[in-house]
Amino acid sequence: MAAHMEDGSLPLDALQAWPQASALEAERLLRAALRAGSGKIIVLDDDPTGVQTVHGVDVYTHWDQAAIDEGFRGQRRLFYILTNSRALLPRQTEELHRDIALKVLDASRRQGRDFLLISRSDSTLRGHYPLETEALRQALEEAGGLRFDGEIICPFFMEGGRYTLGDVHYVKEGDRLVPAARTEFARDAAFGYTHSDLKQWVEEKTGGRFPAKDVISIALEDLRALRVDAVAAYLARAENFQKIIVNAASYEDLKVFAAAFARARARGKRYLLRTAAALPRVLGGVKDKPLLGARELASRTGNGGLIIVGSHVQKSTAQLKHLLAAFPELAALEFQAKAAFTDGGLEAETARVRDAAREAIRRGQTAVVYTSRGLLTVPGSGEESLRLSVRIADALTGVVSGLTAKPAFLVAKGGITSSDIGVKGLNVRKARVLGQAAPGVPVWRTDSGSKFGRMPYVIFPGNVGGEDGLTRVVAACLGKEP
């Protein structure tokens, strides 16, 4: 591996330190593994951005028994359930995951079809971990008599510049790979952490119950050398829900891992998975598709579109600034988040911004609604910060739920923001993923029963894309060049 810089980061050429596996051989191994599997893959997504690598699959925003039964009957190998659990308190997400686990188990038994559960979360390691996978495990072992040997941890997400090398998880920033714990994401008030080495991260997050020395590591060298049987043997060693780190820097690595994973499962081993968006795509056999463009995203209606930016990470702020500079004709509407500290303030602010957005859309002007960029903080625990974020997200969602003018398109920036708008604002119960507007930026087609049916809904993660990323997507929605 290339030498680390003083701050622990790596140059980008570190990704080329190992010879790549043959793309043709990796694909052949994957196809053989997919042919051997017949179970259903259910991805529990803690915000809507998890479909950022797939297309042609369904996303359910509710998890009653009828919805899960329908997902099991579907022709696709996998389907998604949007839990939005990153916006929930710990006790809420624990109850939710136990509930879903029992309903999945019931559907599996009645339809005679095995299943694989994937807990999809943030590629920068934020989320309710290990709570969610432990809740799934406990519910299934107690009610179903199942025994889970291991938990696969794979936060690799190439589209967002997230790589795991030598067990250390990196985030691409410019021309460097920065250890995840040295990024702003690790300072998250609710989900912060101090370790980039995933073995140490596991020990940190589990409070020492799963020590770093006991974590199994799947080495990049083995994947690149196509040592499928050796990797399968490592996986088969797992017992008592032992943690397994997957190093990966390309989709070929995941394909080779998937082949080994299938062989380990064929031996009767059972696993839960905690991953970013990339591995579900590979395990689900979803093929490449060109990015969506103006033909799929631009509308010919006379109304303007609507863009909502709730994410506060630096990347989102830079993208918003670039967008407003590139298209000064947009109606820029700042939502004052500090209204949360005044009685009735959020309700009044929602009404003000909603009315201004409605008038802009009706006259054919696209409105950009964005929360004030200063990060609000409250004293107390991470839960208090999470509660404040949810209150502001709910108020921002009210801009959409109370809107009477149908926008030509809708773009939402940020995980919690996009989930609340999709579920609460648009009342989407089931969406079809059309594809991606940019790498890592998924597009839903809203269902006919939603508030604005059959409308393209672009879900733009807060931590994805370059400075001009949002501008390029909006340009396609407007039928323009950035």
Protein backbone atom coordinates (compact mmCIF):
# COMPACT_ATOMS: atom_id res chain seq x y z
CA MET A 1 0.00 0.00 0.00
CA ALA A 2 1.17 3.57 -0.62
CA ALA A 3 2.68 5.40 2.36
CA HIS A 4 0.31 7.30 4.62
CA MET A 5 0.55 11.07 4.82
CA GLU A 6 1.09 12.78 8.18
CA ASP A 7 -2.67 13.01 8.84
CA GLY A 8 -3.17 9.33 8.09
CA SER A 9 -4.64 9.88 4.62
CA LEU A 10 -3.54 8.12 1.44
CA PRO A 11 -2.99 9.38 -2.10
CA LEU A 12 -5.58 8.22 -4.59
CA ASP A 13 -3.07 5.98 -6.33
CA ALA A 14 -3.21 3.73 -3.25
CA LEU A 15 -6.28 2.23 -4.91
CA GLN A 16 -3.96 0.78 -7.54
CA ALA A 17 -1.59 -0.88 -5.07
CA TRP A 18 -3.00 -4.35 -5.79
CA PRO A 19 -3.49 -5.87 -9.25
CA GLN A 20 -7.18 -5.88 -10.18
CA ALA A 21 -9.00 -9.16 -10.48
CA SER A 22 -10.13 -10.07 -13.98
CA ALA A 23 -13.46 -8.33 -14.58
CA LEU A 24 -14.62 -11.23 -16.75
CA GLU A 25 -13.69 -13.84 -14.18
CA ALA A 26 -15.27 -11.85 -11.34
CA GLU A 27 -18.49 -11.58 -13.35
CA ARG A 28 -18.44 -15.29 -14.13
CA LEU A 29 -18.06 -16.16 -10.46
CA LEU A 30 -20.92 -13.82 -9.55
CA ARG A 31 -23.29 -15.23 -12.17
CA ALA A 32 -22.63 -18.77 -10.96
CA ALA A 33 -23.39 -17.69 -7.39
CA LEU A 34 -26.61 -15.94 -8.45
CA ARG A 35 -27.82 -19.02 -10.32
CA ALA A 36 -27.31 -21.12 -7.20
CA GLY A 37 -29.34 -18.81 -4.96
CA SER A 38 -33.12 -18.77 -4.73
CA GLY A 39 -33.85 -16.86 -1.53
CA LYS A 40 -35.33 -13.41 -1.27
CA ILE A 41 -33.13 -10.43 -0.36
CA ILE A 42 -34.77 -7.78 1.79
CA VAL A 43 -32.88 -4.53 2.28
CA LEU A 44 -33.88 -2.47 5.30
CA ASP A 45 -32.86 1.06 4.37
CA ASP A 46 -32.33 3.62 7.12
CA ASP A 47 -32.90 6.47 4.67
CA PRO A 48 -33.97 6.68 0.98
CA THR A 49 -30.45 7.02 -0.39
CA GLY A 50 -29.76 3.29 -0.14
CA VAL A 51 -31.22 2.64 -3.60
CA GLN A 52 -28.48 4.76 -5.12
CA THR A 53 -26.96 1.81 -7.02
CA VAL A 54 -30.04 -0.05 -8.29
CA HIS A 55 -32.89 0.29 -10.77
CA GLY A 56 -36.10 -1.53 -11.55
CA VAL A 57 -36.65 -2.54 -7.93
CA ASP A 58 -39.48 -1.60 -5.57
CA VAL A 59 -39.23 0.39 -2.38
CA TYR A 60 -41.92 0.00 0.26
CA THR A 61 -42.29 2.88 2.69
CA HIS A 62 -44.57 0.88 5.00
CA TRP A 63 -44.00 -2.59 6.42
CA ASP A 64 -47.38 -4.08 7.17
CA GLN A 65 -47.70 -7.80 6.48
CA ALA A 66 -49.40 -7.21 3.13
CA ALA A 67 -46.48 -5.12 1.83
CA ILE A 68 -43.88 -7.68 2.90
CA ASP A 69 -45.92 -10.53 1.41
CA GLU A 70 -46.13 -8.61 -1.86
CA GLY A 71 -42.36 -8.07 -1.82
CA PHE A 72 -41.81 -11.81 -1.38
CA ARG A 73 -44.09 -12.57 -4.33
CA GLY A 74 -42.36 -10.08 -6.64
CA GLN A 75 -40.27 -11.29 -9.55
CA ARG A 76 -37.18 -9.35 -8.51
CA ARG A 77 -34.60 -11.06 -6.34
CA LEU A 78 -34.61 -8.16 -3.90
CA PHE A 79 -36.84 -5.39 -2.59
CA TYR A 80 -36.31 -2.51 -0.20
CA ILE A 81 -38.15 -1.37 2.90
CA LEU A 82 -37.54 2.27 3.79
CA THR A 83 -37.41 2.45 7.58
CA ASN A 84 -35.87 5.94 7.86
CA SER A 85 -34.53 4.65 11.16
CA ARG A 86 -31.61 7.08 11.23
CA ALA A 87 -34.19 9.71 12.20
CA LEU A 88 -35.56 7.57 15.05
CA LEU A 89 -34.60 7.26 18.69
CA PRO A 90 -32.88 4.01 19.73
CA ARG A 91 -35.93 2.42 21.37
CA GLN A 92 -38.04 3.25 18.30
CA THR A 93 -35.65 1.67 15.82
CA GLU A 94 -35.25 -1.41 18.01
CA GLU A 95 -39.02 -1.97 18.08
CA LEU A 96 -39.27 -1.32 14.34
CA HIS A 97 -36.59 -3.85 13.44
CA ARG A 98 -38.02 -6.54 15.67
CA ASP A 99 -41.44 -5.97 14.09
CA ILE A 100 -40.10 -6.23 10.54
CA ALA A 101 -38.05 -9.33 11.38
CA LEU A 102 -41.12 -11.18 12.63
CA LYS A 103 -43.18 -10.22 9.58
CA VAL A 104 -40.40 -11.32 7.23
CA LEU A 105 -40.17 -14.62 9.08
CA ASP A 106 -43.94 -15.11 8.76
CA ALA A 107 -43.90 -14.39 5.01
CA SER A 108 -40.94 -16.71 4.52
CA ARG A 109 -42.65 -19.61 6.26
CA ARG A 110 -45.98 -19.20 4.49
CA GLN A 111 -44.41 -18.83 1.04
CA GLY A 112 -41.72 -21.45 1.58
CA ARG A 113 -38.88 -19.16 0.57
CA ASP A 114 -35.65 -18.45 2.45
CA PHE A 115 -34.41 -14.89 2.89
CA LEU A 116 -31.34 -12.77 3.47
CA LEU A 117 -31.66 -9.55 5.48
CA ILE A 118 -29.42 -6.58 4.74
CA SER A 119 -29.31 -3.57 7.03
CA ARG A 120 -28.30 -0.78 4.64
CA SER A 121 -26.84 2.29 6.28
CA ASP A 122 -24.52 5.19 5.66
CA SER A 123 -21.22 4.60 3.88
CA THR A 124 -19.56 7.02 6.32
CA LEU A 125 -20.56 4.77 9.25
CA ARG A 126 -23.36 6.83 10.79
CA GLY A 127 -26.46 5.09 12.07
CA HIS A 128 -27.90 2.94 14.86
CA TYR A 129 -25.18 0.31 14.99
CA PRO A 130 -25.05 -2.32 16.45
CA LEU A 131 -28.61 -1.83 17.70
CA GLU A 132 -30.41 -2.58 14.43
CA THR A 133 -28.73 -5.83 13.46
CA GLU A 134 -28.83 -7.04 17.06
CA ALA A 135 -32.58 -6.40 17.17
CA LEU A 136 -33.02 -8.39 13.95
CA ARG A 137 -30.88 -11.24 15.24
CA GLN A 138 -32.62 -11.48 18.59
CA ALA A 139 -36.11 -11.43 17.09
CA LEU A 140 -35.32 -14.10 14.50
CA GLU A 141 -33.45 -16.37 16.89
CA GLU A 142 -36.15 -16.14 19.55
CA ALA A 143 -39.12 -16.61 17.25
CA GLY A 144 -37.68 -18.64 14.41
CA GLY A 145 -35.16 -20.90 16.03
CA LEU A 146 -32.51 -19.56 13.65
CA ARG A 147 -28.87 -19.15 14.59
CA PHE A 148 -26.73 -16.45 13.03
CA ASP A 149 -23.07 -17.28 12.76
CA GLY A 150 -21.76 -13.93 11.60
CA GLU A 151 -22.40 -10.35 10.62
CA ILE A 152 -20.93 -8.99 7.39
CA ILE A 153 -19.76 -5.36 7.58
CA CYS A 154 -19.13 -3.78 4.18
CA PRO A 155 -19.31 0.04 3.94
CA PHE A 156 -17.61 0.18 0.50
CA PHE A 157 -19.45 2.56 -1.85
CA MET A 158 -17.46 3.49 -4.93
CA GLU A 159 -19.94 6.05 -6.26
CA GLY A 160 -19.46 8.12 -3.12
CA GLY A 161 -15.70 7.57 -2.86
CA ARG A 162 -15.78 5.20 0.15
CA TYR A 163 -13.13 2.47 0.20
CA THR A 164 -11.91 -0.05 2.79
CA LEU A 165 -8.20 -0.87 2.60
CA GLY A 166 -6.27 -2.80 5.22
CA ASP A 167 -9.40 -2.78 7.38
CA VAL A 168 -9.37 1.04 7.44
CA HIS A 169 -12.37 2.83 5.95
CA TYR A 170 -11.54 5.88 3.82
CA VAL A 171 -13.53 8.77 2.36
CA LYS A 172 -12.33 10.35 -0.88
CA GLU A 173 -11.78 14.09 -0.47
CA GLY A 174 -10.22 15.73 -3.49
CA ASP A 175 -7.06 13.83 -4.39
CA ARG A 176 -6.79 12.06 -1.02
CA LEU A 177 -8.34 9.16 0.81
CA VAL A 178 -9.06 10.40 4.32
CA PRO A 179 -9.65 7.99 7.23
CA ALA A 180 -13.36 8.15 8.01
CA ALA A 181 -12.83 9.12 11.65
CA ARG A 182 -10.99 12.26 10.47
CA THR A 183 -13.94 13.55 8.46
CA GLU A 184 -16.87 15.72 9.54
CA PHE A 185 -19.12 12.65 9.40
CA ALA A 186 -17.38 11.14 12.44
CA ARG A 187 -18.30 14.23 14.46
CA ASP A 188 -22.03 13.59 13.98
CA ALA A 189 -23.79 14.58 17.21
CA ALA A 190 -25.91 11.42 17.30
CA PHE A 191 -23.71 8.84 15.56
CA GLY A 192 -20.12 9.97 16.03
CA TYR A 193 -17.10 7.66 16.37
CA THR A 194 -13.33 7.84 16.83
CA HIS A 195 -11.89 4.85 14.90
CA SER A 196 -11.37 4.38 11.16
CA ASP A 197 -10.00 0.85 11.52
CA LEU A 198 -13.21 -1.14 11.26
CA LYS A 199 -12.05 -3.76 13.74
CA GLN A 200 -11.54 -1.05 16.34
CA TRP A 201 -14.75 0.65 15.23
CA VAL A 202 -16.66 -2.57 15.96
CA GLU A 203 -15.13 -2.76 19.43
CA GLU A 204 -15.96 0.92 20.02
CA LYS A 205 -19.54 0.65 18.85
CA THR A 206 -20.27 -2.61 20.69
CA GLY A 207 -18.78 -1.34 23.93
CA GLY A 208 -16.10 -4.02 23.87
CA ARG A 209 -18.50 -6.95 23.56
CA PHE A 210 -16.91 -7.80 20.20
CA PRO A 211 -13.16 -7.10 20.63
CA ALA A 212 -11.12 -6.01 17.65
CA LYS A 213 -8.90 -9.08 17.95
CA ASP A 214 -11.86 -11.38 17.31
CA VAL A 215 -13.10 -9.63 14.17
CA ILE A 216 -12.56 -11.61 10.97
CA SER A 217 -11.05 -9.71 8.05
CA ILE A 218 -11.55 -10.52 4.37
CA ALA A 219 -8.35 -9.28 2.78
CA LEU A 220 -8.26 -7.41 -0.50
CA GLU A 221 -5.31 -9.55 -1.58
CA ASP A 222 -7.45 -12.70 -1.40
CA LEU A 223 -10.29 -11.14 -3.36
CA ARG A 224 -7.97 -9.80 -6.07
CA ALA A 225 -6.28 -13.21 -6.36
CA LEU A 226 -9.70 -14.90 -6.79
CA ARG A 227 -9.15 -17.11 -3.72
CA VAL A 228 -12.85 -17.89 -3.46
CA ASP A 229 -12.50 -21.08 -1.44
CA ALA A 230 -10.12 -19.42 1.02
CA VAL A 231 -12.52 -16.51 1.56
CA ALA A 232 -15.42 -18.94 1.96
CA ALA A 233 -13.40 -20.77 4.61
CA TYR A 234 -12.81 -17.54 6.51
CA LEU A 235 -16.55 -16.83 6.42
CA ALA A 236 -17.37 -20.34 7.58
CA ARG A 237 -15.24 -19.87 10.70
CA ALA A 238 -17.66 -17.31 12.09
CA GLU A 239 -19.72 -18.26 15.10
CA ASN A 240 -21.88 -16.52 17.71
CA PHE A 241 -22.59 -13.54 15.45
CA GLN A 242 -18.90 -12.85 14.91
CA LYS A 243 -18.13 -9.68 12.95
CA ILE A 244 -16.58 -9.94 9.48
CA ILE A 245 -14.97 -6.94 7.75
CA VAL A 246 -14.93 -6.89 3.94
CA ASN A 247 -12.11 -4.90 2.37
CA ALA A 248 -13.10 -3.59 -1.06
CA ALA A 249 -12.02 -0.95 -3.55
CA SER A 250 -13.94 -2.00 -6.68
CA TYR A 251 -17.10 -3.80 -7.74
CA GLU A 252 -14.97 -6.73 -8.89
CA ASP A 253 -13.93 -7.20 -5.27
CA LEU A 254 -17.58 -7.44 -4.24
CA LYS A 255 -18.37 -9.91 -6.99
CA VAL A 256 -15.61 -12.25 -5.85
CA PHE A 257 -16.77 -11.84 -2.26
CA ALA A 258 -20.36 -12.64 -3.31
CA ALA A 259 -19.18 -15.92 -4.84
CA ALA A 260 -17.40 -16.88 -1.61
CA PHE A 261 -20.39 -15.77 0.44
CA ALA A 262 -22.68 -18.04 -1.57
CA ARG A 263 -20.37 -21.02 -0.92
CA ALA A 264 -20.31 -20.32 2.81
CA ARG A 265 -24.09 -20.10 2.92
CA ALA A 266 -24.33 -23.37 0.98
CA ARG A 267 -22.56 -24.99 3.94
CA GLY A 268 -25.48 -23.97 6.13
CA LYS A 269 -23.89 -20.84 7.60
CA ARG A 270 -26.26 -17.94 8.27
CA TYR A 271 -25.42 -14.23 8.34
CA LEU A 272 -26.89 -10.78 8.71
CA LEU A 273 -25.34 -7.91 6.78
CA ARG A 274 -24.61 -4.28 7.60
CA THR A 275 -23.59 -2.58 4.38
CA ALA A 276 -23.60 0.55 2.30
CA ALA A 277 -25.43 0.64 -1.03
CA ALA A 278 -22.96 -1.30 -3.18
CA LEU A 279 -23.16 -4.88 -1.89
CA PRO A 280 -26.99 -5.19 -2.13
CA ARG A 281 -26.73 -4.35 -5.82
CA VAL A 282 -24.18 -7.13 -6.38
CA LEU A 283 -26.02 -9.75 -4.33
CA GLY A 284 -29.26 -8.79 -6.06
CA GLY A 285 -27.78 -9.22 -9.55
CA VAL A 286 -28.66 -5.67 -10.65
CA LYS A 287 -26.85 -4.82 -13.88
CA ASP A 288 -25.39 -1.49 -14.96
CA LYS A 289 -27.68 1.13 -16.45
CA PRO A 290 -26.76 4.50 -18.02
CA LEU A 291 -27.43 7.57 -15.92
CA LEU A 292 -30.80 9.20 -16.38
CA GLY A 293 -30.83 12.46 -18.33
CA ALA A 294 -33.15 15.24 -19.41
CA ARG A 295 -35.31 12.82 -21.43
CA GLU A 296 -36.32 10.96 -18.26
CA LEU A 297 -36.20 13.86 -15.78
CA ALA A 298 -37.36 17.01 -17.56
CA SER A 299 -41.08 17.77 -17.59
CA ARG A 300 -43.02 19.55 -20.33
CA THR A 301 -45.60 21.01 -17.95
CA GLY A 302 -45.81 24.75 -17.49
CA ASN A 303 -45.07 24.59 -13.77
CA GLY A 304 -41.68 25.06 -12.21
CA GLY A 305 -39.88 22.44 -10.17
CA LEU A 306 -39.06 22.26 -6.48
CA ILE A 307 -35.66 21.68 -4.87
CA ILE A 308 -35.34 21.22 -1.11
CA VAL A 309 -31.97 21.21 0.64
CA GLY A 310 -32.00 20.11 4.27
CA SER A 311 -28.54 18.55 4.65
CA HIS A 312 -25.99 20.67 6.55
CA VAL A 313 -22.76 18.89 5.67
CA GLN A 314 -20.14 21.04 3.97
CA LYS A 315 -20.56 19.23 0.66
CA SER A 316 -24.27 20.13 0.52
CA THR A 317 -23.61 23.78 1.35
CA ALA A 318 -20.99 24.04 -1.40
CA GLN A 319 -23.35 22.38 -3.91
CA LEU A 320 -26.18 24.74 -2.98
CA LYS A 321 -23.93 27.76 -3.45
CA HIS A 322 -22.83 26.46 -6.86
CA LEU A 323 -26.43 25.84 -7.94
CA LEU A 324 -27.66 29.32 -7.03
CA ALA A 325 -24.70 30.90 -8.82
CA ALA A 326 -25.22 28.79 -11.94
CA PHE A 327 -28.98 29.45 -12.16
CA PRO A 328 -29.74 32.89 -10.70
CA GLU A 329 -33.25 32.68 -12.19
CA LEU A 330 -34.25 30.15 -9.53
CA ALA A 331 -36.43 31.39 -6.68
CA ALA A 332 -34.17 31.04 -3.62
CA LEU A 333 -36.19 30.65 -0.40
CA GLU A 334 -34.27 30.33 2.86
CA PHE A 335 -36.07 28.40 5.59
CA GLN A 336 -35.05 29.89 8.94
CA ALA A 337 -34.29 26.89 11.13
CA LYS A 338 -33.82 29.09 14.20
CA ALA A 339 -37.60 29.47 14.23
CA ALA A 340 -37.52 26.14 16.10
CA PHE A 341 -36.61 28.07 19.26
CA THR A 342 -39.76 30.24 19.16
CA ASP A 343 -43.22 29.02 20.12
CA GLY A 344 -45.14 28.50 16.88
CA GLY A 345 -42.11 29.64 14.92
CA LEU A 346 -41.71 26.56 12.74
CA GLU A 347 -45.40 26.53 11.78
CA ALA A 348 -45.24 30.17 10.71
CA GLU A 349 -42.01 29.63 8.79
CA THR A 350 -43.46 26.62 6.99
CA ALA A 351 -46.49 28.64 5.88
CA ARG A 352 -44.34 31.54 4.65
CA VAL A 353 -42.01 29.37 2.60
CA ARG A 354 -44.80 27.12 1.29
CA ASP A 355 -46.80 30.09 -0.03
CA ALA A 356 -43.74 31.59 -1.72
CA ALA A 357 -42.82 28.25 -3.30
CA ARG A 358 -46.40 27.73 -4.55
CA GLU A 359 -46.46 31.09 -6.31
CA ALA A 360 -43.06 30.49 -7.92
CA ILE A 361 -44.07 27.05 -9.19
CA ARG A 362 -47.34 28.34 -10.63
CA ARG A 363 -45.57 31.02 -12.65
CA GLY A 364 -43.16 28.45 -14.07
CA GLN A 365 -40.21 29.27 -11.83
CA THR A 366 -38.33 26.54 -10.00
CA ALA A 367 -38.12 27.15 -6.27
CA VAL A 368 -35.10 26.26 -4.12
CA VAL A 369 -36.03 25.87 -0.47
CA TYR A 370 -33.03 25.49 1.83
CA THR A 371 -32.56 25.53 5.57
CA SER A 372 -30.32 28.26 6.96
CA ARG A 373 -26.77 26.99 6.73
CA GLY A 374 -25.68 27.61 10.31
CA LEU A 375 -25.71 24.33 12.26
CA LEU A 376 -27.99 24.62 15.28
CA THR A 377 -26.88 22.92 18.47
CA VAL A 378 -28.68 22.13 21.69
CA PRO A 379 -27.25 21.16 25.07
CA GLY A 380 -27.65 17.59 26.17
CA SER A 381 -27.25 14.22 24.52
CA GLY A 382 -27.09 13.20 20.90
CA GLU A 383 -30.76 12.29 21.20
CA GLU A 384 -31.61 15.96 21.83
CA SER A 385 -29.79 16.99 18.65
CA LEU A 386 -31.63 14.24 16.78
CA ARG A 387 -34.99 15.48 18.11
CA LEU A 388 -34.21 19.02 16.94
CA SER A 389 -33.23 17.75 13.48
CA VAL A 390 -36.48 15.78 13.24
CA ARG A 391 -38.58 18.81 14.24
CA ILE A 392 -36.96 20.93 11.55
CA ALA A 393 -37.29 18.12 8.99
CA ASP A 394 -40.99 17.80 9.83
CA ALA A 395 -41.49 21.54 9.33
CA LEU A 396 -39.63 21.44 6.02
CA THR A 397 -41.78 18.50 4.95
CA GLY A 398 -44.83 20.66 5.63
CA VAL A 399 -43.79 22.82 2.69
CA VAL A 400 -44.48 19.86 0.40
CA SER A 401 -47.48 18.33 2.17
CA GLY A 402 -49.29 21.66 2.12
CA LEU A 403 -48.40 22.52 -1.46
CA THR A 404 -51.31 22.82 -3.90
CA ALA A 405 -49.30 23.40 -7.09
CA LYS A 406 -47.76 20.22 -8.57
CA PRO A 407 -44.07 20.77 -9.33
CA ALA A 408 -42.65 19.60 -12.64
CA PHE A 409 -40.05 17.64 -10.63
CA LEU A 410 -38.82 17.38 -7.06
CA VAL A 411 -35.24 17.16 -5.83
CA ALA A 412 -34.52 16.60 -2.12
CA LYS A 413 -31.03 16.94 -0.67
CA GLY A 414 -30.25 14.99 2.49
CA GLY A 415 -31.23 11.58 3.91
CA ILE A 416 -33.74 12.47 6.61
CA THR A 417 -35.10 15.29 4.44
CA SER A 418 -35.70 13.09 1.41
CA SER A 419 -37.31 10.34 3.45
CA ASP A 420 -39.76 12.64 5.21
CA ILE A 421 -40.68 14.35 1.96
CA GLY A 422 -41.25 11.04 0.20
CA VAL A 423 -43.24 9.36 2.96
CA LYS A 424 -44.93 12.22 4.79
CA GLY A 425 -44.94 14.99 2.21
CA LEU A 426 -45.79 12.97 -0.91
CA ASN A 427 -47.46 10.02 0.87
CA VAL A 428 -45.63 7.48 -1.29
CA ARG A 429 -46.33 3.92 -0.15
CA LYS A 430 -44.47 2.08 -2.90
CA ALA A 431 -42.04 3.52 -5.43
CA ARG A 432 -40.14 2.10 -8.37
CA VAL A 433 -36.47 3.03 -8.63
CA LEU A 434 -35.91 4.37 -12.14
CA GLY A 435 -32.14 4.60 -11.86
CA GLN A 436 -29.63 7.31 -11.00
CA ALA A 437 -29.47 10.95 -12.08
CA ALA A 438 -25.78 11.00 -11.15
CA PRO A 439 -23.50 8.43 -9.51
CA GLY A 440 -25.08 7.69 -6.13
CA VAL A 441 -28.17 9.85 -6.74
CA PRO A 442 -31.33 7.69 -7.09
CA VAL A 443 -34.61 8.64 -8.73
CA TRP A 444 -38.00 7.31 -7.68
CA ARG A 445 -41.13 7.29 -9.78
CA THR A 446 -43.90 8.09 -7.32
CA ASP A 447 -46.90 5.78 -7.27
CA SER A 448 -50.28 6.85 -8.64
CA GLY A 449 -51.77 7.09 -5.14
CA SER A 450 -49.22 9.60 -3.86
CA LYS A 451 -49.80 13.34 -3.54
CA PHE A 452 -48.13 14.06 -6.89
CA GLY A 453 -48.31 10.75 -8.74
CA ARG A 454 -46.00 9.62 -11.55
CA MET A 455 -43.53 12.41 -10.85
CA PRO A 456 -39.75 11.97 -10.90
CA TYR A 457 -38.44 12.36 -7.36
CA VAL A 458 -34.66 12.81 -7.16
CA ILE A 459 -33.12 11.75 -3.85
CA PHE A 460 -29.74 13.46 -3.49
CA PRO A 461 -27.67 12.25 -0.50
CA GLY A 462 -26.00 14.94 1.54
CA ASN A 463 -22.55 13.36 1.31
CA VAL A 464 -22.39 12.54 -2.42
CA GLY A 465 -21.12 14.40 -5.49
CA GLY A 466 -18.67 17.13 -6.37
CA GLU A 467 -19.25 20.85 -5.98
CA ASP A 468 -21.22 20.99 -9.24
CA GLY A 469 -23.11 17.73 -8.59
CA LEU A 470 -26.45 19.29 -7.60
CA THR A 471 -26.19 21.81 -10.44
CA ARG A 472 -25.79 19.08 -13.05
CA VAL A 473 -28.78 17.11 -11.79
CA VAL A 474 -31.01 20.19 -11.66
CA ALA A 475 -29.84 21.16 -15.15
CA ALA A 476 -31.09 17.81 -16.46
CA CYS A 477 -34.43 18.33 -14.69
CA LEU A 478 -34.70 21.75 -16.31
CA GLY A 479 -33.69 20.40 -19.72
CA LYS A 480 -30.60 22.62 -19.70
CA GLU A 481 -26.85 22.32 -19.66
CA PRO A 482 -25.15 23.46 -16.43
